[in-house]
């Protein structure tokens, strides 16, 4: 299942820069992951300073 970004997101952009498939974009106050593009690699979770991305 695709990763999702929780409301803990501080909109730093670290996850978007790390995503190998470009599935992450800036949303309204936080970043969002396009589930149709996400390959569930976990790269975003590894660089997030607050642990916002997680597998659902």
PDB file of N, CA and C in Angstrom:
ATOM      1  N   UNK A   1       0.840  -1.180   0.000  1.00  0.00           N
ATOM      2  CA  UNK A   1       0.000   0.000   0.000  1.00  0.00           C
ATOM      3  C   UNK A   1       0.889   1.250   0.000  1.00  0.00           C
ATOM      4  N   UNK A   2       0.481   2.253  -0.672  1.00  0.00           N
ATOM      5  CA  UNK A   2       1.252   3.487  -0.809  1.00  0.00           C
ATOM      6  C   UNK A   2       1.465   4.182   0.527  1.00  0.00           C
ATOM      7  N   UNK A   3       2.548   4.932   0.597  1.00  0.00           N
ATOM      8  CA  UNK A   3       2.837   5.737   1.782  1.00  0.00           C
ATOM      9  C   UNK A   3       1.891   6.931   1.818  1.00  0.00           C
ATOM     10  N   UNK A   4       1.643   7.435   3.025  1.00  0.00           N
ATOM     11  CA  UNK A   4       0.837   8.637   3.222  1.00  0.00           C
ATOM     12  C   UNK A   4       1.594   9.542   4.170  1.00  0.00           C
ATOM     13  N   UNK A   5       1.339  10.837   4.078  1.00  0.00           N
ATOM     14  CA  UNK A   5       2.002  11.811   4.939  1.00  0.00           C
ATOM     15  C   UNK A   5       0.982  12.327   5.947  1.00  0.00           C
ATOM     16  N   UNK A   6       1.338  12.220   7.218  1.00  0.00           N
ATOM     17  CA  UNK A   6       0.429  12.630   8.295  1.00  0.00           C
ATOM     18  C   UNK A   6       0.454  14.147   8.491  1.00  0.00           C
ATOM     19  N   UNK A   7      -0.399  14.609   9.368  1.00  0.00           N
ATOM     20  CA  UNK A   7      -0.470  16.031   9.690  1.00  0.00           C
ATOM     21  C   UNK A   7       0.752  16.513  10.461  1.00  0.00           C
ATOM     22  N   UNK A   8       1.634  15.602  10.845  1.00  0.00           N
ATOM     23  CA  UNK A   8       2.887  15.970  11.517  1.00  0.00           C
ATOM     24  C   UNK A   8       3.849  16.665  10.551  1.00  0.00           C
ATOM     25  N   UNK A   9       3.575  16.610   9.267  1.00  0.00           N
ATOM     26  CA  UNK A   9       4.431  17.199   8.230  1.00  0.00           C
ATOM     27  C   UNK A   9       4.707  18.671   8.525  1.00  0.00           C
ATOM     28  N   UNK A  10       5.998  19.046   8.431  1.00  0.00           N
ATOM     29  CA  UNK A  10       6.408  20.435   8.644  1.00  0.00           C
ATOM     30  C   UNK A  10       6.745  21.133   7.319  1.00  0.00           C
ATOM     31  N   UNK A  11       6.404  20.504   6.206  1.00  0.00           N
ATOM     32  CA  UNK A  11       6.574  21.057   4.859  1.00  0.00           C
ATOM     33  C   UNK A  11       8.012  21.475   4.549  1.00  0.00           C
ATOM     34  N   UNK A  12       8.967  20.648   4.971  1.00  0.00           N
ATOM     35  CA  UNK A  12      10.380  20.967   4.724  1.00  0.00           C
ATOM     36  C   UNK A  12      10.819  20.587   3.314  1.00  0.00           C
ATOM     37  N   UNK A  13      10.128  19.635   2.678  1.00  0.00           N
ATOM     38  CA  UNK A  13      10.447  19.231   1.316  1.00  0.00           C
ATOM     39  C   UNK A  13      11.488  18.139   1.188  1.00  0.00           C
ATOM     40  N   UNK A  14      12.026  17.659   2.297  1.00  0.00           N
ATOM     41  CA  UNK A  14      13.054  16.617   2.246  1.00  0.00           C
ATOM     42  C   UNK A  14      12.538  15.362   1.549  1.00  0.00           C
ATOM     43  N   UNK A  15      11.296  14.998   1.808  1.00  0.00           N
ATOM     44  CA  UNK A  15      10.725  13.791   1.217  1.00  0.00           C
ATOM     45  C   UNK A  15      10.595  13.910  -0.302  1.00  0.00           C
ATOM     46  N   UNK A  16      10.148  15.057  -0.765  1.00  0.00           N
ATOM     47  CA  UNK A  16       9.958  15.256  -2.200  1.00  0.00           C
ATOM     48  C   UNK A  16      11.286  15.170  -2.948  1.00  0.00           C
ATOM     49  N   UNK A  17      12.328  15.708  -2.349  1.00  0.00           N
ATOM     50  CA  UNK A  17      13.650  15.667  -2.981  1.00  0.00           C
ATOM     51  C   UNK A  17      14.191  14.245  -3.045  1.00  0.00           C
ATOM     52  N   UNK A  18      13.785  13.392  -2.132  1.00  0.00           N
ATOM     53  CA  UNK A  18      14.297  12.021  -2.050  1.00  0.00           C
ATOM     54  C   UNK A  18      13.504  11.021  -2.877  1.00  0.00           C
ATOM     55  N   UNK A  19      12.263  11.335  -3.216  1.00  0.00           N
ATOM     56  CA  UNK A  19      11.389  10.391  -3.925  1.00  0.00           C
ATOM     57  C   UNK A  19      11.929  10.085  -5.328  1.00  0.00           C
ATOM     58  N   UNK A  20      12.234   8.800  -5.613  1.00  0.00           N
ATOM     59  CA  UNK A  20      12.810   8.450  -6.921  1.00  0.00           C
ATOM     60  C   UNK A  20      11.826   8.485  -8.081  1.00  0.00           C
ATOM     61  N   UNK A  21      10.527   8.527  -7.791  1.00  0.00           N
ATOM     62  CA  UNK A  21       9.531   8.510  -8.859  1.00  0.00           C
ATOM     63  C   UNK A  21       8.709   9.793  -8.937  1.00  0.00           C
ATOM     64  N   UNK A  22       9.039  10.778  -8.124  1.00  0.00           N
ATOM     65  CA  UNK A  22       8.334  12.055  -8.170  1.00  0.00           C
ATOM     66  C   UNK A  22       6.891  11.989  -7.713  1.00  0.00           C
ATOM     67  N   UNK A  23       6.602  11.118  -6.757  1.00  0.00           N
ATOM     68  CA  UNK A  23       5.221  10.937  -6.292  1.00  0.00           C
ATOM     69  C   UNK A  23       4.792  11.964  -5.255  1.00  0.00           C
ATOM     70  N   UNK A  24       5.743  12.786  -4.771  1.00  0.00           N
ATOM     71  CA  UNK A  24       5.444  13.706  -3.681  1.00  0.00           C
ATOM     72  C   UNK A  24       5.430  15.147  -4.172  1.00  0.00           C
ATOM     73  N   UNK A  25       4.373  15.864  -3.800  1.00  0.00           N
ATOM     74  CA  UNK A  25       4.265  17.270  -4.186  1.00  0.00           C
ATOM     75  C   UNK A  25       3.746  18.079  -3.007  1.00  0.00           C
ATOM     76  N   UNK A  26       3.974  19.380  -3.077  1.00  0.00           N
ATOM     77  CA  UNK A  26       3.530  20.266  -2.001  1.00  0.00           C
ATOM     78  C   UNK A  26       2.022  20.449  -2.084  1.00  0.00           C
ATOM     79  N   UNK A  27       1.369  20.208  -0.958  1.00  0.00           N
ATOM     80  CA  UNK A  27      -0.079  20.377  -0.884  1.00  0.00           C
ATOM     81  C   UNK A  27      -0.420  21.596  -0.057  1.00  0.00           C
ATOM     82  N   UNK A  28      -1.590  21.596   0.512  1.00  0.00           N
ATOM     83  CA  UNK A  28      -2.067  22.710   1.314  1.00  0.00           C
ATOM     84  C   UNK A  28      -1.542  22.594   2.742  1.00  0.00           C
ATOM     85  N   UNK A  29      -0.394  23.177   3.007  1.00  0.00           N
ATOM     86  CA  UNK A  29       0.195  23.161   4.344  1.00  0.00           C
ATOM     87  C   UNK A  29       1.056  21.966   4.657  1.00  0.00           C
ATOM     88  N   UNK A  30       1.044  20.959   3.800  1.00  0.00           N
ATOM     89  CA  UNK A  30       1.893  19.786   3.974  1.00  0.00           C
ATOM     90  C   UNK A  30       2.106  19.133   2.613  1.00  0.00           C
ATOM     91  N   UNK A  31       3.045  18.219   2.565  1.00  0.00           N
ATOM     92  CA  UNK A  31       3.302  17.494   1.322  1.00  0.00           C
ATOM     93  C   UNK A  31       2.345  16.318   1.196  1.00  0.00           C
ATOM     94  N   UNK A  32       2.109  15.893  -0.047  1.00  0.00           N
ATOM     95  CA  UNK A  32       1.174  14.808  -0.326  1.00  0.00           C
ATOM     96  C   UNK A  32       1.825  13.794  -1.250  1.00  0.00           C
ATOM     97  N   UNK A  33       1.443  12.539  -1.106  1.00  0.00           N
ATOM     98  CA  UNK A  33       1.971  11.465  -1.941  1.00  0.00           C
ATOM     99  C   UNK A  33       0.870  10.975  -2.871  1.00  0.00           C
ATOM    100  N   UNK A  34       1.178  10.929  -4.165  1.00  0.00           N
ATOM    101  CA  UNK A  34       0.248  10.400  -5.151  1.00  0.00           C
ATOM    102  C   UNK A  34       0.322   8.870  -5.078  1.00  0.00           C
ATOM    103  N   UNK A  35      -0.708   8.246  -4.564  1.00  0.00           N
ATOM    104  CA  UNK A  35      -0.728   6.797  -4.361  1.00  0.00           C
ATOM    105  C   UNK A  35      -0.592   6.019  -5.666  1.00  0.00           C
ATOM    106  N   UNK A  36      -1.006   6.602  -6.777  1.00  0.00           N
ATOM    107  CA  UNK A  36      -0.913   5.918  -8.063  1.00  0.00           C
ATOM    108  C   UNK A  36       0.522   5.863  -8.581  1.00  0.00           C
ATOM    109  N   UNK A  37       1.382   6.735  -8.071  1.00  0.00           N
ATOM    110  CA  UNK A  37       2.770   6.811  -8.525  1.00  0.00           C
ATOM    111  C   UNK A  37       3.729   6.173  -7.517  1.00  0.00           C
ATOM    112  N   UNK A  38       3.380   6.208  -6.239  1.00  0.00           N
ATOM    113  CA  UNK A  38       4.227   5.698  -5.155  1.00  0.00           C
ATOM    114  C   UNK A  38       4.591   4.226  -5.385  1.00  0.00           C
ATOM    115  N   UNK A  39       5.898   3.907  -5.237  1.00  0.00           N
ATOM    116  CA  UNK A  39       6.369   2.535  -5.396  1.00  0.00           C
ATOM    117  C   UNK A  39       6.700   1.887  -4.046  1.00  0.00           C
ATOM    118  N   UNK A  40       6.300   2.535  -2.963  1.00  0.00           N
ATOM    119  CA  UNK A  40       6.450   2.004  -1.611  1.00  0.00           C
ATOM    120  C   UNK A  40       7.896   1.688  -1.238  1.00  0.00           C
ATOM    121  N   UNK A  41       8.828   2.527  -1.676  1.00  0.00           N
ATOM    122  CA  UNK A  41      10.241   2.273  -1.399  1.00  0.00           C
ATOM    123  C   UNK A  41      10.662   2.713  -0.003  1.00  0.00           C
ATOM    124  N   UNK A  42       9.946   3.667   0.595  1.00  0.00           N
ATOM    125  CA  UNK A  42      10.260   4.133   1.931  1.00  0.00           C
ATOM    126  C   UNK A  42      11.344   5.189   2.009  1.00  0.00           C
ATOM    127  N   UNK A  43      11.837   5.651   0.872  1.00  0.00           N
ATOM    128  CA  UNK A  43      12.889   6.671   0.870  1.00  0.00           C
ATOM    129  C   UNK A  43      12.434   7.940   1.571  1.00  0.00           C
ATOM    130  N   UNK A  44      11.183   8.299   1.404  1.00  0.00           N
ATOM    131  CA  UNK A  44      10.643   9.507   2.029  1.00  0.00           C
ATOM    132  C   UNK A  44      10.660   9.400   3.553  1.00  0.00           C
ATOM    133  N   UNK A  45      10.277   8.240   4.057  1.00  0.00           N
ATOM    134  CA  UNK A  45      10.239   8.032   5.503  1.00  0.00           C
ATOM    135  C   UNK A  45      11.632   8.099   6.108  1.00  0.00           C
ATOM    136  N   UNK A  46      12.626   7.671   5.349  1.00  0.00           N
ATOM    137  CA  UNK A  46      13.994   7.661   5.840  1.00  0.00           C
ATOM    138  C   UNK A  46      14.612   9.031   6.022  1.00  0.00           C
ATOM    139  N   UNK A  47      14.110  10.031   5.321  1.00  0.00           N
ATOM    140  CA  UNK A  47      14.697  11.370   5.413  1.00  0.00           C
ATOM    141  C   UNK A  47      13.825  12.372   6.167  1.00  0.00           C
ATOM    142  N   UNK A  48      12.614  12.023   6.497  1.00  0.00           N
ATOM    143  CA  UNK A  48      11.708  12.958   7.174  1.00  0.00           C
ATOM    144  C   UNK A  48      12.147  13.201   8.615  1.00  0.00           C
ATOM    145  N   UNK A  49      12.358  14.471   8.987  1.00  0.00           N
ATOM    146  CA  UNK A  49      12.809  14.767  10.346  1.00  0.00           C
ATOM    147  C   UNK A  49      11.744  14.557  11.427  1.00  0.00           C
ATOM    148  N   UNK A  50      10.467  14.452  11.028  1.00  0.00           N
ATOM    149  CA  UNK A  50       9.401  14.268  12.018  1.00  0.00           C
ATOM    150  C   UNK A  50       8.638  12.951  11.848  1.00  0.00           C
ATOM    151  N   UNK A  51       9.057  12.118  10.914  1.00  0.00           N
ATOM    152  CA  UNK A  51       8.416  10.825  10.711  1.00  0.00           C
ATOM    153  C   UNK A  51       7.016  10.892  10.145  1.00  0.00           C
ATOM    154  N   UNK A  52       6.732  11.905   9.336  1.00  0.00           N
ATOM    155  CA  UNK A  52       5.381  12.063   8.801  1.00  0.00           C
ATOM    156  C   UNK A  52       4.978  10.994   7.774  1.00  0.00           C
ATOM    157  N   UNK A  53       5.851  10.580   6.855  1.00  0.00           N
ATOM    158  CA  UNK A  53       5.430   9.550   5.896  1.00  0.00           C
ATOM    159  C   UNK A  53       5.400   8.158   6.555  1.00  0.00           C
ATOM    160  N   UNK A  54       4.356   7.403   6.261  1.00  0.00           N
ATOM    161  CA  UNK A  54       4.273   6.041   6.764  1.00  0.00           C
ATOM    162  C   UNK A  54       3.460   5.189   5.821  1.00  0.00           C
ATOM    163  N   UNK A  55       3.698   3.897   5.864  1.00  0.00           N
ATOM    164  CA  UNK A  55       2.935   2.957   5.037  1.00  0.00           C
ATOM    165  C   UNK A  55       1.579   2.763   5.693  1.00  0.00           C
ATOM    166  N   UNK A  56       0.544   2.796   4.907  1.00  0.00           N
ATOM    167  CA  UNK A  56      -0.812   2.626   5.443  1.00  0.00           C
ATOM    168  C   UNK A  56      -1.351   1.291   5.014  1.00  0.00           C
TER     169      UNK A  56
END
